[in-house]
Amino acid sequence: SYFNLGNLYAEVGDKAMDLLAYQRVLEINPQHSGALYNLGNLYKDQGRSKEALGFYQKALDVDPRMADAYLNMGVIYGRQGEKEREKAFYQKTLQADPHNGRAYFNLGFLEEAAGKLQAAVEFYQKSVAFDPANAEGYYNLGNVYAKLNKVPEAISAYLKAVEHDPRHVNALVNLSILSFQQ
């Protein structure tokens, strides 16, 4: 099928051909949520936010449970500085998929940036619970614990980050700094 062909082109990085394949899918079936979503991804990667948002919305009109479409819409709104819309779309992501670790991570990042550190901890904890291999989630959790002066918890989180990514330089640096403070 053209959809699978588009996915193969996407895998090898041929953006022109995967675009054509997904457009062909939509000529045959304008309600193909996967093709609509993948076109949204193509446009998002090209920085064409308006088109990406349109395709994500069309995909959601067909399948409102498509959590990653909500997530990517949140990312786009975040890039545009629309923090409230960004947050709202991450929350919609979790309504569609309550186990979406990336949505929890992004919400944690927003709360941390807003200075709401305890809320950030809770979101980062959920992020790594649902995506336990996410080294960046553990790293950010360690950073928030360090800001809260919860040194043992920060060290534990940094160790988890390094466990999942032994080359995570920032986690290694922060871990060594905190270890010397003990």
C-alpha atoms as a PDB file:
ATOM      1  CA  SER A   1       0.000   0.000   0.000  1.00  0.00           C
ATOM      2  CA  TYR A   2       1.035   3.617  -0.464  1.00  0.00           C
ATOM      3  CA  PHE A   3       0.965   4.172   3.289  1.00  0.00           C
ATOM      4  CA  ASN A   4       3.575   1.474   3.885  1.00  0.00           C
ATOM      5  CA  LEU A   5       5.590   2.844   0.986  1.00  0.00           C
ATOM      6  CA  GLY A   6       5.467   6.290   2.585  1.00  0.00           C
ATOM      7  CA  ASN A   7       6.684   4.793   5.853  1.00  0.00           C
ATOM      8  CA  LEU A   8       9.591   3.115   4.040  1.00  0.00           C
ATOM      9  CA  TYR A   9      10.550   6.374   2.355  1.00  0.00           C
ATOM     10  CA  ALA A  10      10.343   8.118   5.733  1.00  0.00           C
ATOM     11  CA  GLU A  11      12.628   5.475   7.247  1.00  0.00           C
ATOM     12  CA  VAL A  12      15.330   6.110   4.649  1.00  0.00           C
ATOM     13  CA  GLY A  13      14.874   9.882   4.875  1.00  0.00           C
ATOM     14  CA  ASP A  14      13.410  10.516   1.433  1.00  0.00           C
ATOM     15  CA  LYS A  15      11.024  13.301   2.385  1.00  0.00           C
ATOM     16  CA  ALA A  16       9.942  14.103  -1.164  1.00  0.00           C
ATOM     17  CA  MET A  17       8.870  10.541  -1.890  1.00  0.00           C
ATOM     18  CA  ASP A  18       7.167   9.943   1.449  1.00  0.00           C
ATOM     19  CA  LEU A  19       5.215  13.177   0.927  1.00  0.00           C
ATOM     20  CA  LEU A  20       4.028  11.923  -2.469  1.00  0.00           C
ATOM     21  CA  ALA A  21       3.128   8.504  -1.068  1.00  0.00           C
ATOM     22  CA  TYR A  22       1.053   9.962   1.791  1.00  0.00           C
ATOM     23  CA  GLN A  23      -0.674  12.374  -0.587  1.00  0.00           C
ATOM     24  CA  ARG A  24      -1.558   9.397  -2.771  1.00  0.00           C
ATOM     25  CA  VAL A  25      -3.038   7.625   0.272  1.00  0.00           C
ATOM     26  CA  LEU A  26      -5.263  10.648   0.884  1.00  0.00           C
ATOM     27  CA  GLU A  27      -6.394  10.697  -2.748  1.00  0.00           C
ATOM     28  CA  ILE A  28      -7.615   7.146  -2.222  1.00  0.00           C
ATOM     29  CA  ASN A  29      -8.877   7.625   1.353  1.00  0.00           C
ATOM     30  CA  PRO A  30      -9.076  11.230   2.616  1.00  0.00           C
ATOM     31  CA  GLN A  31      -9.881   9.905   6.112  1.00  0.00           C
ATOM     32  CA  HIS A  32      -6.665   7.899   6.565  1.00  0.00           C
ATOM     33  CA  SER A  33      -5.599   9.113  10.005  1.00  0.00           C
ATOM     34  CA  GLY A  34      -2.089   7.649   9.724  1.00  0.00           C
ATOM     35  CA  ALA A  35      -1.335   9.494   6.496  1.00  0.00           C
ATOM     36  CA  LEU A  36      -2.817  12.711   7.896  1.00  0.00           C
ATOM     37  CA  TYR A  37      -0.673  12.366  11.026  1.00  0.00           C
ATOM     38  CA  ASN A  38       2.497  11.561   9.082  1.00  0.00           C
ATOM     39  CA  LEU A  39       1.961  14.567   6.820  1.00  0.00           C
ATOM     40  CA  GLY A  40       1.665  16.636   9.984  1.00  0.00           C
ATOM     41  CA  ASN A  41       5.037  15.263  11.073  1.00  0.00           C
ATOM     42  CA  LEU A  42       6.609  16.088   7.717  1.00  0.00           C
ATOM     43  CA  TYR A  43       5.400  19.672   7.859  1.00  0.00           C
ATOM     44  CA  LYS A  44       6.382  20.026  11.536  1.00  0.00           C
ATOM     45  CA  ASP A  45       9.913  18.874  10.703  1.00  0.00           C
ATOM     46  CA  GLN A  46      10.058  21.446   7.901  1.00  0.00           C
ATOM     47  CA  GLY A  47       8.976  24.234  10.264  1.00  0.00           C
ATOM     48  CA  ARG A  48       5.663  24.632   8.439  1.00  0.00           C
ATOM     49  CA  SER A  49       3.627  24.881  11.627  1.00  0.00           C
ATOM     50  CA  LYS A  50       0.325  26.014  10.153  1.00  0.00           C
ATOM     51  CA  GLU A  51       0.187  23.085   7.725  1.00  0.00           C
ATOM     52  CA  ALA A  52       1.319  20.647  10.418  1.00  0.00           C
ATOM     53  CA  LEU A  53      -1.377  21.810  12.817  1.00  0.00           C
ATOM     54  CA  GLY A  54      -3.973  21.447  10.080  1.00  0.00           C
ATOM     55  CA  PHE A  55      -2.995  17.861   9.313  1.00  0.00           C
ATOM     56  CA  TYR A  56      -2.823  16.915  12.990  1.00  0.00           C
ATOM     57  CA  GLN A  57      -6.305  18.359  13.501  1.00  0.00           C
ATOM     58  CA  LYS A  58      -7.638  16.426  10.505  1.00  0.00           C
ATOM     59  CA  ALA A  59      -6.086  13.242  11.920  1.00  0.00           C
ATOM     60  CA  LEU A  60      -7.756  13.923  15.271  1.00  0.00           C
ATOM     61  CA  ASP A  61     -11.081  14.578  13.570  1.00  0.00           C
ATOM     62  CA  VAL A  62     -10.836  11.025  12.208  1.00  0.00           C
ATOM     63  CA  ASP A  63      -9.340   9.452  15.340  1.00  0.00           C
ATOM     64  CA  PRO A  64      -9.586  11.543  18.527  1.00  0.00           C
ATOM     65  CA  ARG A  65      -7.509   8.943  20.412  1.00  0.00           C
ATOM     66  CA  MET A  66      -4.362   9.759  18.418  1.00  0.00           C
ATOM     67  CA  ALA A  67      -2.371  10.990  21.419  1.00  0.00           C
ATOM     68  CA  ASP A  68       0.818  11.835  19.536  1.00  0.00           C
ATOM     69  CA  ALA A  69      -1.062  14.304  17.333  1.00  0.00           C
ATOM     70  CA  TYR A  70      -2.081  16.225  20.463  1.00  0.00           C
ATOM     71  CA  LEU A  71       1.489  15.980  21.760  1.00  0.00           C
ATOM     72  CA  ASN A  72       2.998  17.345  18.553  1.00  0.00           C
ATOM     73  CA  MET A  73       0.461  20.160  18.464  1.00  0.00           C
ATOM     74  CA  GLY A  74       1.595  21.051  21.971  1.00  0.00           C
ATOM     75  CA  VAL A  75       5.220  21.073  20.825  1.00  0.00           C
ATOM     76  CA  ILE A  76       4.359  23.428  17.960  1.00  0.00           C
ATOM     77  CA  TYR A  77       2.450  25.789  20.238  1.00  0.00           C
ATOM     78  CA  GLY A  78       5.400  25.735  22.630  1.00  0.00           C
ATOM     79  CA  ARG A  79       7.773  26.719  19.838  1.00  0.00           C
ATOM     80  CA  GLN A  80       5.438  29.612  19.067  1.00  0.00           C
ATOM     81  CA  GLY A  81       5.527  30.766  22.696  1.00  0.00           C
ATOM     82  CA  GLU A  82       1.872  29.888  23.328  1.00  0.00           C
ATOM     83  CA  LYS A  83       2.450  28.225  26.703  1.00  0.00           C
ATOM     84  CA  GLU A  84      -1.199  27.890  27.728  1.00  0.00           C
ATOM     85  CA  ARG A  85      -2.133  26.179  24.457  1.00  0.00           C
ATOM     86  CA  GLU A  86       0.992  24.031  24.724  1.00  0.00           C
ATOM     87  CA  LYS A  87      -0.002  22.880  28.194  1.00  0.00           C
ATOM     88  CA  ALA A  88      -3.610  22.281  27.129  1.00  0.00           C
ATOM     89  CA  PHE A  89      -2.503  19.994  24.307  1.00  0.00           C
ATOM     90  CA  TYR A  90      -0.225  17.985  26.598  1.00  0.00           C
ATOM     91  CA  GLN A  91      -3.216  17.528  28.891  1.00  0.00           C
ATOM     92  CA  LYS A  92      -5.297  16.399  25.899  1.00  0.00           C
ATOM     93  CA  THR A  93      -2.511  13.935  25.115  1.00  0.00           C
ATOM     94  CA  LEU A  94      -2.943  12.421  28.559  1.00  0.00           C
ATOM     95  CA  GLN A  95      -6.716  12.243  28.142  1.00  0.00           C
ATOM     96  CA  ALA A  96      -6.138  10.183  24.999  1.00  0.00           C
ATOM     97  CA  ASP A  97      -3.252   8.180  26.507  1.00  0.00           C
ATOM     98  CA  PRO A  98      -2.847   8.398  30.291  1.00  0.00           C
ATOM     99  CA  HIS A  99       0.473   6.520  30.042  1.00  0.00           C
ATOM    100  CA  ASN A 100       2.213   8.909  27.648  1.00  0.00           C
ATOM    101  CA  GLY A 101       5.604   9.519  29.259  1.00  0.00           C
ATOM    102  CA  ARG A 102       6.533  12.280  26.826  1.00  0.00           C
ATOM    103  CA  ALA A 103       3.469  14.336  27.759  1.00  0.00           C
ATOM    104  CA  TYR A 104       4.329  14.015  31.458  1.00  0.00           C
ATOM    105  CA  PHE A 105       7.927  14.994  30.662  1.00  0.00           C
ATOM    106  CA  ASN A 106       6.834  18.085  28.738  1.00  0.00           C
ATOM    107  CA  LEU A 107       4.420  19.098  31.501  1.00  0.00           C
ATOM    108  CA  GLY A 108       7.221  18.656  34.016  1.00  0.00           C
ATOM    109  CA  PHE A 109       9.420  20.920  31.945  1.00  0.00           C
ATOM    110  CA  LEU A 110       6.705  23.595  31.826  1.00  0.00           C
ATOM    111  CA  GLU A 111       6.137  23.417  35.581  1.00  0.00           C
ATOM    112  CA  GLU A 112       9.870  23.562  36.264  1.00  0.00           C
ATOM    113  CA  ALA A 113      10.221  26.630  34.035  1.00  0.00           C
ATOM    114  CA  ALA A 114       7.323  28.252  35.910  1.00  0.00           C
ATOM    115  CA  GLY A 115       9.065  27.611  39.234  1.00  0.00           C
ATOM    116  CA  LYS A 116       6.465  25.065  40.344  1.00  0.00           C
ATOM    117  CA  LEU A 117       9.060  22.547  41.446  1.00  0.00           C
ATOM    118  CA  GLN A 118       6.875  20.109  43.382  1.00  0.00           C
ATOM    119  CA  ALA A 119       4.493  19.818  40.428  1.00  0.00           C
ATOM    120  CA  ALA A 120       7.517  19.325  38.158  1.00  0.00           C
ATOM    121  CA  VAL A 121       8.734  16.468  40.377  1.00  0.00           C
ATOM    122  CA  GLU A 122       5.354  14.761  40.115  1.00  0.00           C
ATOM    123  CA  PHE A 123       5.264  15.050  36.333  1.00  0.00           C
ATOM    124  CA  TYR A 124       8.862  13.869  35.903  1.00  0.00           C
ATOM    125  CA  GLN A 125       8.194  10.917  38.210  1.00  0.00           C
ATOM    126  CA  LYS A 126       5.224   9.915  36.062  1.00  0.00           C
ATOM    127  CA  SER A 127       7.317  10.443  32.941  1.00  0.00           C
ATOM    128  CA  VAL A 128       9.985   7.962  34.008  1.00  0.00           C
ATOM    129  CA  ALA A 129       7.368   5.569  35.389  1.00  0.00           C
ATOM    130  CA  PHE A 130       5.792   5.299  31.942  1.00  0.00           C
ATOM    131  CA  ASP A 131       9.059   5.661  30.004  1.00  0.00           C
ATOM    132  CA  PRO A 132      11.694   4.135  32.301  1.00  0.00           C
ATOM    133  CA  ALA A 133      14.495   4.315  29.701  1.00  0.00           C
ATOM    134  CA  ASN A 134      14.171   8.105  29.401  1.00  0.00           C
ATOM    135  CA  ALA A 135      17.535   9.325  30.678  1.00  0.00           C
ATOM    136  CA  GLU A 136      16.529  12.945  30.152  1.00  0.00           C
ATOM    137  CA  GLY A 137      13.509  12.448  32.412  1.00  0.00           C
ATOM    138  CA  TYR A 138      15.747  11.208  35.227  1.00  0.00           C
ATOM    139  CA  TYR A 139      18.198  14.033  34.576  1.00  0.00           C
ATOM    140  CA  ASN A 140      15.490  16.700  34.798  1.00  0.00           C
ATOM    141  CA  LEU A 141      14.079  15.022  37.900  1.00  0.00           C
ATOM    142  CA  GLY A 142      17.566  15.190  39.447  1.00  0.00           C
ATOM    143  CA  ASN A 143      17.815  18.876  38.588  1.00  0.00           C
ATOM    144  CA  VAL A 144      14.533  19.650  40.326  1.00  0.00           C
ATOM    145  CA  TYR A 145      15.490  17.598  43.368  1.00  0.00           C
ATOM    146  CA  ALA A 146      18.780  19.524  43.500  1.00  0.00           C
ATOM    147  CA  LYS A 147      16.870  22.817  43.371  1.00  0.00           C
ATOM    148  CA  LEU A 148      14.724  21.553  46.243  1.00  0.00           C
ATOM    149  CA  ASN A 149      17.924  20.640  48.141  1.00  0.00           C
ATOM    150  CA  LYS A 150      16.935  16.969  48.165  1.00  0.00           C
ATOM    151  CA  VAL A 151      20.459  15.774  47.493  1.00  0.00           C
ATOM    152  CA  PRO A 152      20.020  11.990  47.993  1.00  0.00           C
ATOM    153  CA  GLU A 153      17.020  12.003  45.635  1.00  0.00           C
ATOM    154  CA  ALA A 154      18.942  14.097  43.091  1.00  0.00           C
ATOM    155  CA  ILE A 155      21.899  11.711  43.204  1.00  0.00           C
ATOM    156  CA  SER A 156      19.584   8.746  42.740  1.00  0.00           C
ATOM    157  CA  ALA A 157      17.921  10.384  39.726  1.00  0.00           C
ATOM    158  CA  TYR A 158      21.273  11.290  38.142  1.00  0.00           C
ATOM    159  CA  LEU A 159      22.487   7.706  38.650  1.00  0.00           C
ATOM    160  CA  LYS A 160      19.377   6.461  36.834  1.00  0.00           C
ATOM    161  CA  ALA A 161      20.040   8.921  34.003  1.00  0.00           C
ATOM    162  CA  VAL A 162      23.597   7.630  33.645  1.00  0.00           C
ATOM    163  CA  GLU A 163      22.393   4.035  33.888  1.00  0.00           C
ATOM    164  CA  HIS A 164      20.210   4.626  30.827  1.00  0.00           C
ATOM    165  CA  ASP A 165      22.708   6.857  29.034  1.00  0.00           C
ATOM    166  CA  PRO A 166      26.292   6.340  30.223  1.00  0.00           C
ATOM    167  CA  ARG A 167      27.385   9.300  28.073  1.00  0.00           C
ATOM    168  CA  HIS A 168      24.985  11.781  29.642  1.00  0.00           C
ATOM    169  CA  VAL A 169      27.667  14.372  30.406  1.00  0.00           C
ATOM    170  CA  ASN A 170      25.405  16.801  32.275  1.00  0.00           C
ATOM    171  CA  ALA A 171      24.125  14.066  34.581  1.00  0.00           C
ATOM    172  CA  LEU A 172      27.706  12.928  35.222  1.00  0.00           C
ATOM    173  CA  VAL A 173      28.844  16.482  36.006  1.00  0.00           C
ATOM    174  CA  ASN A 174      25.912  17.159  38.343  1.00  0.00           C
ATOM    175  CA  LEU A 175      26.399  13.790  39.982  1.00  0.00           C
ATOM    176  CA  SER A 176      30.047  14.508  40.678  1.00  0.00           C
ATOM    177  CA  ILE A 177      29.253  17.979  42.050  1.00  0.00           C
ATOM    178  CA  LEU A 178      26.618  16.631  44.415  1.00  0.00           C
ATOM    179  CA  SER A 179      28.808  13.698  45.447  1.00  0.00           C
ATOM    180  CA  PHE A 180      31.535  16.089  46.584  1.00  0.00           C
ATOM    181  CA  GLN A 181      28.997  18.094  48.580  1.00  0.00           C
ATOM    182  CA  GLN A 182      28.007  15.051  50.605  1.00  0.00           C
END
